[in-house]
Amino acid sequence: MDLKTALITGATSGIGKATAELLAKNGFNLVLCGRRTDRLDQLQNTLGALTGVYTLTFDVRNRNEVFKAMESLPQDFCQIDVLINNAGNAHGMDKIDSGSMDDWDAMLDINVKGLLHVSKAVMPQMVERKEGHIINIGSLAGKEVYPKGNVYCASKFAVDAISQGMRIDLNEHGIRVGAVNPGL
């Protein structure tokens, strides 16, 4: 039986790292993605004792980097069975009238566009095989707005809407789409 391969963005800390550890213990090969090569190397050394691990260093905001990274995957890791779109961030805790536009750009570019870039790079192979599973990490902030969370909440509302739309659009191809929405 061939091992399933899971690709996890934002794998160097938090939910991404914990998910990588759990999937390694359960026999998945892993493609771990992030911006911090040193942390990716450390994960590869640790989890490589349990399963096959391949790392990719890129920024999900840069669509060219995303596609180049996906095209560089070696044969043993190029079939992605499970995509976990975990990369995300929260910047600033300001009221909308005093918020930083740089913070807004970072949150929308990573939380929304980054998820779309990686999904677009991986989905064609799932569609072709008529199977796969995409899990988008959202937030309770995508369900309920809180003070000074204006743009972060908007970005996570977008993740929720994209997940629902993906589920509808990809159902005919046998691809499952789910979302996990953790909160404090």
N, C-alpha and C. Protein backbone atom coordinates (compact mmCIF):
# COMPACT_ATOMS: atom_id res chain seq x y z
N MET A 1 0.84 -1.18 0.00
CA MET A 1 0.00 0.00 0.00
C MET A 1 0.88 1.24 0.00
N ASP A 2 0.57 2.16 -0.88
CA ASP A 2 1.32 3.42 -0.94
C ASP A 2 0.91 4.32 0.21
N LEU A 3 1.90 5.00 0.77
CA LEU A 3 1.61 5.97 1.82
C LEU A 3 0.93 7.19 1.21
N LYS A 4 0.02 7.77 1.93
CA LYS A 4 -0.61 9.02 1.53
C LYS A 4 0.36 10.15 1.85
N THR A 5 0.28 11.21 1.07
CA THR A 5 1.13 12.38 1.28
C THR A 5 0.27 13.58 1.63
N ALA A 6 0.66 14.25 2.71
CA ALA A 6 -0.02 15.48 3.14
C ALA A 6 0.92 16.66 2.98
N LEU A 7 0.42 17.74 2.42
CA LEU A 7 1.17 18.99 2.32
C LEU A 7 0.57 19.96 3.32
N ILE A 8 1.44 20.53 4.17
CA ILE A 8 1.00 21.46 5.21
C ILE A 8 1.73 22.78 5.04
N THR A 9 0.97 23.86 4.86
CA THR A 9 1.59 25.18 4.85
C THR A 9 1.64 25.70 6.28
N GLY A 10 2.58 26.59 6.54
CA GLY A 10 2.72 27.12 7.90
C GLY A 10 3.06 26.01 8.88
N ALA A 11 3.95 25.12 8.47
CA ALA A 11 4.24 23.91 9.25
C ALA A 11 5.25 24.11 10.36
N THR A 12 5.82 25.30 10.49
CA THR A 12 6.94 25.47 11.43
C THR A 12 6.54 25.78 12.86
N SER A 13 5.25 26.00 13.10
CA SER A 13 4.83 26.30 14.47
C SER A 13 3.34 26.05 14.63
N GLY A 14 2.88 26.08 15.86
CA GLY A 14 1.47 26.03 16.18
C GLY A 14 0.73 24.84 15.60
N ILE A 15 -0.43 25.12 15.03
CA ILE A 15 -1.30 24.07 14.49
C ILE A 15 -0.60 23.30 13.37
N GLY A 16 0.14 23.99 12.52
CA GLY A 16 0.83 23.31 11.42
C GLY A 16 1.84 22.30 11.92
N LYS A 17 2.63 22.68 12.89
CA LYS A 17 3.64 21.77 13.46
C LYS A 17 2.97 20.60 14.17
N ALA A 18 1.95 20.87 14.96
CA ALA A 18 1.24 19.80 15.68
C ALA A 18 0.59 18.84 14.71
N THR A 19 0.04 19.35 13.62
CA THR A 19 -0.58 18.50 12.60
C THR A 19 0.47 17.63 11.93
N ALA A 20 1.62 18.21 11.62
CA ALA A 20 2.71 17.43 11.02
C ALA A 20 3.13 16.28 11.94
N GLU A 21 3.27 16.57 13.21
CA GLU A 21 3.67 15.54 14.17
C GLU A 21 2.63 14.42 14.24
N LEU A 22 1.36 14.77 14.26
CA LEU A 22 0.30 13.78 14.33
C LEU A 22 0.24 12.93 13.06
N LEU A 23 0.32 13.57 11.91
CA LEU A 23 0.26 12.83 10.65
C LEU A 23 1.48 11.93 10.47
N ALA A 24 2.64 12.37 10.93
CA ALA A 24 3.85 11.53 10.85
C ALA A 24 3.64 10.26 11.67
N LYS A 25 3.08 10.40 12.87
CA LYS A 25 2.82 9.24 13.73
C LYS A 25 1.79 8.30 13.13
N ASN A 26 0.96 8.83 12.22
CA ASN A 26 -0.08 8.02 11.59
C ASN A 26 0.28 7.57 10.18
N GLY A 27 1.56 7.67 9.83
CA GLY A 27 2.05 7.07 8.60
C GLY A 27 1.90 7.86 7.32
N PHE A 28 1.66 9.14 7.41
CA PHE A 28 1.62 9.97 6.20
C PHE A 28 3.02 10.42 5.85
N ASN A 29 3.35 10.45 4.55
CA ASN A 29 4.51 11.19 4.09
C ASN A 29 4.13 12.67 4.16
N LEU A 30 5.11 13.52 4.39
CA LEU A 30 4.84 14.93 4.60
C LEU A 30 5.62 15.83 3.67
N VAL A 31 4.94 16.83 3.15
CA VAL A 31 5.58 17.97 2.49
C VAL A 31 5.28 19.14 3.42
N LEU A 32 6.33 19.64 4.05
CA LEU A 32 6.19 20.70 5.04
C LEU A 32 6.66 22.02 4.44
N CYS A 33 5.81 23.02 4.51
CA CYS A 33 6.09 24.30 3.88
C CYS A 33 6.13 25.42 4.91
N GLY A 34 7.01 26.37 4.67
CA GLY A 34 7.10 27.53 5.54
C GLY A 34 8.15 28.49 5.03
N ARG A 35 8.34 29.57 5.78
CA ARG A 35 9.31 30.59 5.39
C ARG A 35 10.62 30.46 6.14
N ARG A 36 10.65 29.65 7.20
CA ARG A 36 11.83 29.55 8.06
C ARG A 36 12.54 28.20 7.84
N THR A 37 13.57 28.25 7.03
CA THR A 37 14.30 27.05 6.66
C THR A 37 14.86 26.32 7.87
N ASP A 38 15.38 27.04 8.84
CA ASP A 38 15.96 26.39 10.02
C ASP A 38 14.92 25.55 10.76
N ARG A 39 13.72 26.07 10.89
CA ARG A 39 12.66 25.32 11.58
C ARG A 39 12.19 24.13 10.74
N LEU A 40 12.13 24.32 9.42
CA LEU A 40 11.77 23.21 8.54
C LEU A 40 12.81 22.10 8.62
N ASP A 41 14.09 22.48 8.64
CA ASP A 41 15.17 21.49 8.76
C ASP A 41 15.06 20.72 10.07
N GLN A 42 14.76 21.42 11.14
CA GLN A 42 14.61 20.78 12.44
C GLN A 42 13.44 19.78 12.42
N LEU A 43 12.32 20.17 11.82
CA LEU A 43 11.18 19.26 11.71
C LEU A 43 11.52 18.05 10.86
N GLN A 44 12.23 18.29 9.77
CA GLN A 44 12.61 17.17 8.90
C GLN A 44 13.49 16.18 9.66
N ASN A 45 14.42 16.68 10.45
CA ASN A 45 15.28 15.80 11.24
C ASN A 45 14.50 15.01 12.26
N THR A 46 13.56 15.66 12.93
CA THR A 46 12.77 15.01 13.96
C THR A 46 11.77 14.01 13.38
N LEU A 47 10.96 14.47 12.43
CA LEU A 47 9.89 13.63 11.90
C LEU A 47 10.38 12.62 10.86
N GLY A 48 11.56 12.89 10.30
CA GLY A 48 12.13 11.98 9.32
C GLY A 48 12.41 10.60 9.88
N ALA A 49 12.50 10.48 11.18
CA ALA A 49 12.68 9.16 11.81
C ALA A 49 11.38 8.35 11.77
N LEU A 50 10.26 9.03 11.56
CA LEU A 50 8.96 8.36 11.55
C LEU A 50 8.41 8.11 10.16
N THR A 51 8.73 9.01 9.22
CA THR A 51 8.13 8.93 7.88
C THR A 51 8.96 9.74 6.90
N GLY A 52 8.58 9.70 5.63
CA GLY A 52 9.25 10.52 4.64
C GLY A 52 8.84 11.98 4.79
N VAL A 53 9.83 12.86 4.77
CA VAL A 53 9.56 14.29 4.93
C VAL A 53 10.35 15.06 3.87
N TYR A 54 9.65 15.96 3.19
CA TYR A 54 10.28 16.85 2.23
C TYR A 54 9.86 18.26 2.60
N THR A 55 10.80 19.19 2.56
CA THR A 55 10.47 20.57 2.95
C THR A 55 10.58 21.52 1.77
N LEU A 56 9.74 22.54 1.81
CA LEU A 56 9.74 23.60 0.81
C LEU A 56 9.72 24.94 1.53
N THR A 57 10.65 25.80 1.17
CA THR A 57 10.69 27.14 1.75
C THR A 57 10.17 28.13 0.71
N PHE A 58 9.03 28.74 1.03
CA PHE A 58 8.48 29.77 0.16
C PHE A 58 7.45 30.57 0.95
N ASP A 59 7.05 31.68 0.37
CA ASP A 59 6.05 32.55 0.98
C ASP A 59 4.75 32.39 0.19
N VAL A 60 3.68 31.98 0.84
CA VAL A 60 2.41 31.73 0.16
C VAL A 60 1.86 32.97 -0.54
N ARG A 61 2.32 34.15 -0.15
CA ARG A 61 1.86 35.39 -0.79
C ARG A 61 2.36 35.52 -2.21
N ASN A 62 3.45 34.83 -2.53
CA ASN A 62 4.08 34.96 -3.84
C ASN A 62 3.67 33.78 -4.72
N ARG A 63 2.72 34.03 -5.62
CA ARG A 63 2.18 32.92 -6.42
C ARG A 63 3.25 32.25 -7.27
N ASN A 64 4.23 33.01 -7.78
CA ASN A 64 5.29 32.39 -8.57
C ASN A 64 6.12 31.43 -7.72
N GLU A 65 6.44 31.83 -6.48
CA GLU A 65 7.17 30.95 -5.58
C GLU A 65 6.37 29.68 -5.28
N VAL A 66 5.08 29.84 -5.09
CA VAL A 66 4.22 28.70 -4.78
C VAL A 66 4.26 27.69 -5.92
N PHE A 67 4.02 28.14 -7.14
CA PHE A 67 3.98 27.22 -8.27
C PHE A 67 5.35 26.60 -8.54
N LYS A 68 6.40 27.40 -8.41
CA LYS A 68 7.76 26.87 -8.59
C LYS A 68 8.05 25.79 -7.56
N ALA A 69 7.65 26.03 -6.31
CA ALA A 69 7.88 25.05 -5.24
C ALA A 69 7.12 23.75 -5.54
N MET A 70 5.86 23.85 -5.95
CA MET A 70 5.08 22.64 -6.22
C MET A 70 5.65 21.86 -7.40
N GLU A 71 6.14 22.58 -8.39
CA GLU A 71 6.73 21.91 -9.56
C GLU A 71 8.06 21.24 -9.22
N SER A 72 8.69 21.64 -8.11
CA SER A 72 9.99 21.08 -7.74
C SER A 72 9.89 19.80 -6.92
N LEU A 73 8.69 19.39 -6.56
CA LEU A 73 8.55 18.21 -5.70
C LEU A 73 9.09 16.97 -6.38
N PRO A 74 9.88 16.17 -5.65
CA PRO A 74 10.40 14.93 -6.22
C PRO A 74 9.28 13.89 -6.39
N GLN A 75 9.51 12.91 -7.19
CA GLN A 75 8.51 11.89 -7.54
C GLN A 75 7.82 11.29 -6.31
N ASP A 76 8.58 10.99 -5.26
CA ASP A 76 8.00 10.34 -4.08
C ASP A 76 7.05 11.25 -3.29
N PHE A 77 7.05 12.53 -3.58
CA PHE A 77 6.23 13.49 -2.82
C PHE A 77 5.29 14.32 -3.69
N CYS A 78 5.26 14.06 -4.98
CA CYS A 78 4.52 14.97 -5.87
C CYS A 78 3.02 14.73 -5.90
N GLN A 79 2.55 13.56 -5.48
CA GLN A 79 1.10 13.33 -5.42
C GLN A 79 0.60 13.75 -4.04
N ILE A 80 -0.11 14.85 -3.99
CA ILE A 80 -0.63 15.36 -2.73
C ILE A 80 -2.04 14.80 -2.54
N ASP A 81 -2.21 14.03 -1.47
CA ASP A 81 -3.52 13.45 -1.15
C ASP A 81 -4.31 14.35 -0.21
N VAL A 82 -3.61 15.04 0.69
CA VAL A 82 -4.24 15.92 1.66
C VAL A 82 -3.50 17.24 1.66
N LEU A 83 -4.24 18.32 1.46
CA LEU A 83 -3.68 19.68 1.53
C LEU A 83 -4.23 20.34 2.77
N ILE A 84 -3.35 20.80 3.63
CA ILE A 84 -3.77 21.53 4.82
C ILE A 84 -3.26 22.96 4.69
N ASN A 85 -4.18 23.86 4.36
CA ASN A 85 -3.87 25.28 4.22
C ASN A 85 -3.90 25.91 5.61
N ASN A 86 -2.73 25.94 6.24
CA ASN A 86 -2.62 26.41 7.61
C ASN A 86 -1.92 27.77 7.71
N ALA A 87 -1.10 28.13 6.73
CA ALA A 87 -0.36 29.40 6.82
C ALA A 87 -1.33 30.55 7.03
N GLY A 88 -1.04 31.38 8.00
CA GLY A 88 -1.90 32.52 8.28
C GLY A 88 -1.26 33.39 9.34
N ASN A 89 -1.82 34.56 9.50
CA ASN A 89 -1.28 35.46 10.51
C ASN A 89 -2.31 36.50 10.92
N ALA A 90 -2.03 37.12 12.05
CA ALA A 90 -2.84 38.24 12.54
C ALA A 90 -1.87 39.37 12.86
N HIS A 91 -2.13 40.52 12.29
CA HIS A 91 -1.29 41.70 12.53
C HIS A 91 -2.14 42.82 13.10
N GLY A 92 -1.62 43.48 14.10
CA GLY A 92 -2.28 44.67 14.62
C GLY A 92 -3.58 44.38 15.35
N MET A 93 -3.85 45.16 16.32
CA MET A 93 -5.11 45.14 17.05
C MET A 93 -5.56 46.59 17.16
N ASP A 94 -6.01 47.11 16.04
CA ASP A 94 -6.36 48.52 15.98
C ASP A 94 -7.80 48.67 15.53
N LYS A 95 -8.41 49.77 15.94
CA LYS A 95 -9.71 50.12 15.39
C LYS A 95 -9.51 50.41 13.91
N ILE A 96 -10.55 50.22 13.14
CA ILE A 96 -10.45 50.35 11.69
C ILE A 96 -9.93 51.71 11.26
N ASP A 97 -10.28 52.77 11.96
CA ASP A 97 -9.87 54.12 11.54
C ASP A 97 -8.39 54.39 11.80
N SER A 98 -7.76 53.61 12.67
CA SER A 98 -6.34 53.82 12.95
C SER A 98 -5.48 52.63 12.53
N GLY A 99 -6.08 51.69 11.83
CA GLY A 99 -5.37 50.49 11.43
C GLY A 99 -4.28 50.74 10.41
N SER A 100 -3.29 49.88 10.40
CA SER A 100 -2.17 49.96 9.46
C SER A 100 -2.53 49.25 8.16
N MET A 101 -2.40 49.96 7.06
CA MET A 101 -2.68 49.35 5.76
C MET A 101 -1.67 48.25 5.44
N ASP A 102 -0.45 48.36 5.96
CA ASP A 102 0.52 47.28 5.78
C ASP A 102 0.07 46.02 6.49
N ASP A 103 -0.48 46.17 7.70
CA ASP A 103 -1.03 45.02 8.42
C ASP A 103 -2.19 44.41 7.64
N TRP A 104 -3.06 45.26 7.10
CA TRP A 104 -4.19 44.76 6.33
C TRP A 104 -3.71 43.95 5.12
N ASP A 105 -2.73 44.51 4.40
CA ASP A 105 -2.20 43.80 3.23
C ASP A 105 -1.62 42.44 3.61
N ALA A 106 -0.85 42.42 4.69
CA ALA A 106 -0.24 41.15 5.11
C ALA A 106 -1.30 40.11 5.43
N MET A 107 -2.33 40.48 6.18
CA MET A 107 -3.36 39.51 6.55
C MET A 107 -4.15 39.02 5.35
N LEU A 108 -4.53 39.93 4.46
CA LEU A 108 -5.30 39.51 3.29
C LEU A 108 -4.44 38.69 2.33
N ASP A 109 -3.18 39.09 2.17
CA ASP A 109 -2.31 38.37 1.25
C ASP A 109 -1.99 36.96 1.74
N ILE A 110 -1.74 36.79 3.03
CA ILE A 110 -1.40 35.47 3.55
C ILE A 110 -2.66 34.64 3.80
N ASN A 111 -3.60 35.18 4.54
CA ASN A 111 -4.75 34.40 4.97
C ASN A 111 -5.70 34.04 3.83
N VAL A 112 -5.82 34.92 2.84
CA VAL A 112 -6.77 34.68 1.75
C VAL A 112 -6.04 34.30 0.46
N LYS A 113 -5.21 35.20 -0.04
CA LYS A 113 -4.56 34.92 -1.32
C LYS A 113 -3.58 33.76 -1.22
N GLY A 114 -2.88 33.63 -0.10
CA GLY A 114 -1.96 32.51 0.06
C GLY A 114 -2.68 31.18 -0.01
N LEU A 115 -3.82 31.08 0.67
CA LEU A 115 -4.64 29.87 0.62
C LEU A 115 -5.06 29.57 -0.82
N LEU A 116 -5.46 30.61 -1.55
CA LEU A 116 -5.87 30.42 -2.94
C LEU A 116 -4.70 30.00 -3.83
N HIS A 117 -3.53 30.60 -3.64
CA HIS A 117 -2.37 30.25 -4.45
C HIS A 117 -2.00 28.78 -4.29
N VAL A 118 -1.88 28.33 -3.05
CA VAL A 118 -1.48 26.94 -2.81
C VAL A 118 -2.56 25.99 -3.30
N SER A 119 -3.80 26.30 -3.06
CA SER A 119 -4.89 25.45 -3.53
C SER A 119 -4.88 25.32 -5.05
N LYS A 120 -4.70 26.44 -5.72
CA LYS A 120 -4.68 26.43 -7.20
C LYS A 120 -3.53 25.59 -7.74
N ALA A 121 -2.42 25.57 -7.02
CA ALA A 121 -1.26 24.78 -7.45
C ALA A 121 -1.46 23.28 -7.22
N VAL A 122 -2.27 22.91 -6.24
CA VAL A 122 -2.44 21.50 -5.87
C VAL A 122 -3.71 20.89 -6.47
N MET A 123 -4.77 21.67 -6.60
CA MET A 123 -6.06 21.12 -7.03
C MET A 123 -6.05 20.37 -8.36
N PRO A 124 -5.33 20.83 -9.39
CA PRO A 124 -5.42 20.12 -10.67
C PRO A 124 -5.10 18.63 -10.58
N GLN A 125 -4.11 18.26 -9.78
CA GLN A 125 -3.78 16.84 -9.68
C GLN A 125 -4.88 16.07 -8.96
N MET A 126 -5.53 16.70 -7.99
CA MET A 126 -6.65 16.06 -7.30
C MET A 126 -7.83 15.88 -8.24
N VAL A 127 -8.12 16.92 -9.02
CA VAL A 127 -9.21 16.85 -9.99
C VAL A 127 -8.93 15.73 -11.00
N GLU A 128 -7.70 15.65 -11.47
CA GLU A 128 -7.34 14.62 -12.44
C GLU A 128 -7.52 13.22 -11.88
N ARG A 129 -7.16 13.01 -10.61
CA ARG A 129 -7.27 11.69 -9.98
C ARG A 129 -8.68 11.42 -9.45
N LYS A 130 -9.49 12.47 -9.36
CA LYS A 130 -10.84 12.38 -8.80
C LYS A 130 -10.81 11.97 -7.33
N GLU A 131 -9.82 12.51 -6.60
CA GLU A 131 -9.75 12.27 -5.16
C GLU A 131 -8.78 13.24 -4.51
N GLY A 132 -9.00 13.44 -3.23
CA GLY A 132 -8.15 14.33 -2.46
C GLY A 132 -8.95 14.93 -1.32
N HIS A 133 -8.25 15.60 -0.45
CA HIS A 133 -8.89 16.22 0.71
C HIS A 133 -8.17 17.54 0.97
N ILE A 134 -8.93 18.61 1.06
CA ILE A 134 -8.40 19.93 1.37
C ILE A 134 -8.99 20.38 2.70
N ILE A 135 -8.11 20.77 3.61
CA ILE A 135 -8.55 21.28 4.90
C ILE A 135 -8.00 22.69 5.06
N ASN A 136 -8.89 23.64 5.19
CA ASN A 136 -8.51 25.04 5.36
C ASN A 136 -8.63 25.42 6.83
N ILE A 137 -7.58 26.00 7.38
CA ILE A 137 -7.62 26.43 8.77
C ILE A 137 -8.13 27.86 8.82
N GLY A 138 -9.31 28.00 9.38
CA GLY A 138 -9.93 29.31 9.54
C GLY A 138 -9.78 29.76 10.98
N SER A 139 -10.86 30.28 11.53
CA SER A 139 -10.85 30.77 12.89
C SER A 139 -12.29 31.06 13.31
N LEU A 140 -12.54 30.99 14.60
CA LEU A 140 -13.84 31.47 15.08
C LEU A 140 -14.02 32.94 14.73
N ALA A 141 -12.91 33.65 14.51
CA ALA A 141 -12.99 35.04 14.08
C ALA A 141 -13.61 35.16 12.69
N GLY A 142 -13.73 34.05 11.98
CA GLY A 142 -14.42 34.02 10.70
C GLY A 142 -15.90 33.74 10.85
N LYS A 143 -16.34 33.65 12.07
CA LYS A 143 -17.76 33.42 12.36
C LYS A 143 -18.37 34.57 13.17
N GLU A 144 -17.51 35.23 13.95
CA GLU A 144 -17.97 36.28 14.85
C GLU A 144 -16.91 37.37 14.94
N VAL A 145 -17.27 38.60 14.70
CA VAL A 145 -16.33 39.73 14.74
C VAL A 145 -16.14 40.17 16.20
N TYR A 146 -14.90 40.55 16.51
CA TYR A 146 -14.60 41.06 17.85
C TYR A 146 -13.95 42.44 17.73
N PRO A 147 -13.95 43.22 18.80
CA PRO A 147 -13.38 44.57 18.74
C PRO A 147 -11.91 44.56 18.29
N LYS A 148 -11.59 45.45 17.41
CA LYS A 148 -10.24 45.65 16.88
C LYS A 148 -9.73 44.47 16.05
N GLY A 149 -10.62 43.58 15.66
CA GLY A 149 -10.24 42.45 14.83
C GLY A 149 -10.74 42.57 13.41
N ASN A 150 -11.14 43.77 13.03
CA ASN A 150 -11.84 44.03 11.78
C ASN A 150 -11.31 43.31 10.54
N VAL A 151 -10.08 43.58 10.14
CA VAL A 151 -9.56 43.00 8.90
C VAL A 151 -9.16 41.53 9.10
N TYR A 152 -8.63 41.18 10.26
CA TYR A 152 -8.34 39.77 10.52
C TYR A 152 -9.63 38.96 10.43
N CYS A 153 -10.67 39.44 11.08
CA CYS A 153 -11.96 38.73 11.02
C CYS A 153 -12.44 38.63 9.58
N ALA A 154 -12.32 39.71 8.82
CA ALA A 154 -12.73 39.69 7.41
C ALA A 154 -11.96 38.63 6.64
N SER A 155 -10.65 38.51 6.91
CA SER A 155 -9.85 37.52 6.19
C SER A 155 -10.30 36.10 6.54
N LYS A 156 -10.69 35.89 7.79
CA LYS A 156 -11.13 34.55 8.19
C LYS A 156 -12.57 34.27 7.77
N PHE A 157 -13.40 35.31 7.64
CA PHE A 157 -14.71 35.13 7.02
C PHE A 157 -14.51 34.69 5.57
N ALA A 158 -13.51 35.27 4.89
CA ALA A 158 -13.21 34.88 3.51
C ALA A 158 -12.79 33.43 3.43
N VAL A 159 -11.96 32.98 4.38
CA VAL A 159 -11.55 31.57 4.40
C VAL A 159 -12.77 30.67 4.51
N ASP A 160 -13.72 31.05 5.35
CA ASP A 160 -14.94 30.26 5.51
C ASP A 160 -15.72 30.22 4.20
N ALA A 161 -15.90 31.36 3.55
CA ALA A 161 -16.63 31.41 2.28
C ALA A 161 -15.92 30.63 1.19
N ILE A 162 -14.61 30.77 1.11
CA ILE A 162 -13.83 30.02 0.11
C ILE A 162 -13.98 28.52 0.36
N SER A 163 -13.90 28.12 1.61
CA SER A 163 -14.04 26.69 1.94
C SER A 163 -15.40 26.16 1.50
N GLN A 164 -16.46 26.92 1.77
CA GLN A 164 -17.80 26.49 1.35
C GLN A 164 -17.91 26.42 -0.18
N GLY A 165 -17.36 27.42 -0.85
CA GLY A 165 -17.38 27.42 -2.31
C GLY A 165 -16.56 26.29 -2.90
N MET A 166 -15.38 26.04 -2.33
CA MET A 166 -14.55 24.91 -2.79
C MET A 166 -15.31 23.60 -2.66
N ARG A 167 -15.96 23.43 -1.51
CA ARG A 167 -16.70 22.19 -1.25
C ARG A 167 -17.74 21.97 -2.35
N ILE A 168 -18.47 23.01 -2.71
CA ILE A 168 -19.49 22.91 -3.75
C ILE A 168 -18.85 22.61 -5.10
N ASP A 169 -17.81 23.37 -5.45
CA ASP A 169 -17.20 23.24 -6.77
C ASP A 169 -16.43 21.94 -6.96
N LEU A 170 -15.81 21.43 -5.91
CA LEU A 170 -14.96 20.25 -6.05
C LEU A 170 -15.66 18.93 -5.75
N ASN A 171 -16.88 19.00 -5.23
CA ASN A 171 -17.62 17.80 -4.90
C ASN A 171 -17.76 16.88 -6.12
N GLU A 172 -18.03 17.43 -7.28
CA GLU A 172 -18.21 16.61 -8.48
C GLU A 172 -16.94 15.87 -8.88
N HIS A 173 -15.81 16.28 -8.34
CA HIS A 173 -14.53 15.63 -8.65
C HIS A 173 -14.10 14.65 -7.55
N GLY A 174 -14.96 14.42 -6.57
CA GLY A 174 -14.62 13.49 -5.50
C GLY A 174 -13.64 14.05 -4.49
N ILE A 175 -13.47 15.36 -4.46
CA ILE A 175 -12.53 16.00 -3.52
C ILE A 175 -13.31 16.52 -2.33
N ARG A 176 -12.88 16.10 -1.16
CA ARG A 176 -13.51 16.57 0.08
C ARG A 176 -12.85 17.87 0.52
N VAL A 177 -13.65 18.77 1.03
CA VAL A 177 -13.14 20.05 1.54
C VAL A 177 -13.74 20.27 2.92
N GLY A 178 -12.86 20.57 3.86
CA GLY A 178 -13.31 20.87 5.21
C GLY A 178 -12.59 22.09 5.74
N ALA A 179 -13.10 22.59 6.84
CA ALA A 179 -12.48 23.73 7.50
C ALA A 179 -12.44 23.46 8.99
N VAL A 180 -11.38 23.91 9.60
CA VAL A 180 -11.23 23.86 11.06
C VAL A 180 -11.15 25.30 11.52
N ASN A 181 -11.96 25.66 12.51
CA ASN A 181 -12.06 27.05 12.94
C ASN A 181 -11.77 27.17 14.44
N PRO A 182 -10.50 27.10 14.81
CA PRO A 182 -10.16 27.19 16.24
C PRO A 182 -10.33 28.61 16.76
N GLY A 183 -10.36 28.73 18.04
CA GLY A 183 -10.46 30.04 18.69
C GLY A 183 -9.77 30.00 20.03
N LEU A 184 -9.69 31.15 20.68
CA LEU A 184 -9.06 31.22 21.98
C LEU A 184 -9.82 30.37 22.97
